[in-house]
Amino acid sequence: MNLLAQVPMEVLWVRARAIAVNVIKEAIRQKIIYITVLFTFLLFAIEPMIPSFKVGLRVQLFGDIALGVAYLAIAVIAVAISVNQVPKEIEQRTIYNILSKPVRRADFLIGKYLGILVVLGACGVLMGLAIFGFIYAYFEKVAYGIFQGIAMMFLEAALISAFAILVSTLASPTVNVFACILFYFVGHVKGGTLKYILPSLENFNVNEIVARGIVLKANFVLESLLYALAYIAVFLMIASFSLARKEL
């Protein structure tokens, strides 16, 4: 009987969780995350100095621009921590030690992805709190709606990371970076043939709506979540299939 069939799901979860924890520990040591977050906070701080700020629209404009900066920053972080997850393990030959244990290749990828999501979630919360704090400090407004934008931003980043994990099983980190950049820009283009193949990242662009203080409808949020989960599942399944075909 297959050894994996005898391994309880609790054990597989522990294995995946251990892989996720390692991803988080490695991400904490990556300077690009700190540089990106600090640079983003700096842009938040100097944003009100932009001459184009108008009386009566300052809060809305600040929220719109700040969320746009946060979206780009979290996308950079998503790519930075995702593109080398599989190639690095193969190059350092640590993947052989991991897969020699009762861990399926799919569980290996899931563990990697879960760790990435935790890092992205933490970065997203920090950026959301920063925008919320700056709005209150500059304009004495309480903008809870900002966190709706952060939630949609997280879904977009989760999609980008899933795509990066997929490409990491097929190509080098350098090629992966360019593929992710193309994925990002194509995803935000409203026209073109590729929009029927790749997910439309514009579905998660709610910056202007949230900045106006408009509450997102529950059905829109649910549809966006299901849309993201569907593509994430497809990307990870293809990644699992690709990794399974590799001779390791």
Foldseek 3Di string as FASTA:
>chain_A
DDPLVVDDPVVLVVLLQVLLVVLLVVLVPDVLLVVLLVVLLVCLVCVLVPPPQDPPCNLLVSQLVSLVSLLVSLLVSLLVSQQCPVVVCVVVVVVVVSVVPSHALLSSLSSNLNSSLVVSVVSLVVSLVSSQVSSCVPPVDGQPLSVLLSVLSSLLSSLLNLLSLLVSLPDHSVVSVVVSVVLVVVLCDPDDDCCVVHPNSVLSSCRSVSSVVHHDDPVSVVVSNVSSVVSSVVSSVSSSVSNVPDDD
